[in-house]
Amino acid sequence: RSEPCQASNVPGYESFWSCCVHESFKGLNGVVTYAPSGTVLAADPAPLGSTELDNQGRCLMTDHGAFVVFNVYAPNAGGHPLSFKMKFLRALQQAMRRQREKNKAVILLGDLNISHKAGDIHWKHRFVHVPDILREVRAATAEQQTLPRWKHQLAQHWSEIKNVMETQEIIETKTMNSLTNEKYDKFRLMVTKGERRIHLGKNESDPAFCRYPYNFSADTYLDEETNERIPCQEEDSVRVEVLAELMNKVAGVPWDEELQREIAFSHATEPRLSPARAWLTQLLSNDGMVDTFRHFYPSAESRFTVWNQFTNRRYVNEGSRIDYVIVDEVLMRRVQKGSSLWCGGKGDETKENVEQDSLTEAAALRAATANGQYRPASFGGEGIQAASQFTLDSQFVEPHTGMIYTPPSFSDHIGVSLLLDNGSSDGVLLQRNLTLGTDVATRKAQPHKAQTSIASFFSGNAVASSQGSNTAKRQALSTASSRFAKSTADKKKKSSIAYHFQKQKN
């Protein structure tokens, strides 16, 4: 009622919120679900059953009768220890299982911060497992077999590369914006080979960011629930682009982009010891859930849902797929493919051409950039460039299961979508005459409804009846004014939070 954007009160819809109330993360996280009025029985902004996990506003459950929806923003690898992320994911899995025990089908959607398979990662960031290549070269040499030249080059120089990487140090650097002449303090990774000093990677704002891509050591994390150390990184598992940089700068053997692509598509994979990826694999196999995007598009290339906006990566489509709609197998008979994957614009392509073309890298790039109409942000500081209304409207396509290419000005993420058949021989899936409960959890998920309207301050006993004294009237009005001032301040704060949610989840 008091929000400038009216984010919590959309005509015809109910909104449900899970707000971050953790002292260290206020103003961050938070998820919201909008549902047509009459389609929700109950909601729970704290469905994980853990104050530590629920207080961050990362999970919201809505009950729609025959099924429940878990709207999730999972912890990422940078902001929290891996142990916290795994605790969250396991608690989420248990919460979904509890709903199945109540004969509820489950829909899981949102930002899981997991790129599941190699196809969900840009080819430059896929991993080459160097020990596998070294074993292959040794076996081929013994049996006098022929291998691609790059494998022999890697085997010849890897020991040298490892030795040089032992000389790592972080140096302070300065960068300057050539348009504004502003200078920035940065950090860079440097190694030494003989008398030569070699800079690796990019200038970064944090020393840890410099080292991260060049850490090839095996690693574990401490599982706080079992007190066990769990492997989370293989030794000498290296990203394609990093490996090519080391071959060029350290070994003096340049690998061009064509060769790097060949390596990425034939010998590189996702990280094989990622506990979060293993969790998602288990969810799909043991818990009987389906990744709806991959169900319809198993071979689609470079279809990503997030990019680094700071470095304009969307405009070259160098991103990853970390946003999902995952459903129980029992719901798949209701899930429809709908229109084809969007390929970048409302041109004169025939339906047949779109179907054939939509799985390619080129189509994914056109979709990410609206066929080149979304332009990179200038490094002069003007922010994301404005797009025409026609370009902005291109995000509105026919209903489908897949991706909705919302503009870069909305978020570094795009939307993901699910198309369901609501009426079939099995009956109606989504009822539209449900009565929303008034239990504590549901009321907590709708904090905006707890706000008192301005009119209520001046009705009933707030203003004394005409029989009361003038003094009583003045006292009542004074009290009402104080309450109104406090309410206004509270509402401004909630309005700011609502706007943050809207920005985050678009």
Foldseek 3Di string as FASTA:
>chain_A
DQFPVCLQDDPQWHKFKQAAPDPVAHLDAIAMDIDGAQQFAFKFQQLLPDCVQSNGRAWIWTDRDQAIEIEGDADAVPPDPPLVRVVNLVSVVVSQVVVVVVNHWYKYWYFSNDFQKLQQAFLQFFWFQLVVLLVVVVVCVVVVHDDPPVSVLCNVCVVVLVVQLVQKDKDWDWDADPQPRDIDIWIWIWTDDPPDIDTDDDTHRDPCVRCVQVDQDWAWDQNPVVRDTATAAHHRIHGLNRVQVSCCGPVVDHDDPVRSSVCSVPRTMHGPRHPSSVSVVCCVPVVQKDFVACVVQVQAHLQAFFDDLVVQCLLVSRHGHRTTIMTHPVQVVFWDAWQDAQQQEDDPDDSVCCNVPCRDPNSNNNLSCSNVQFDRDDPSPPPTDDGDPRSQVRQDDTAGAAWRNHHVVLDSGTGGHIGGRQQDPVGGDRGNNHDYDDDPSRCVRSVVVVQDDLVVCVDDPLAPDPVDDPVSRVVSVVVSVVVVVVSSVVVVVVSSSSVSNSSHRD
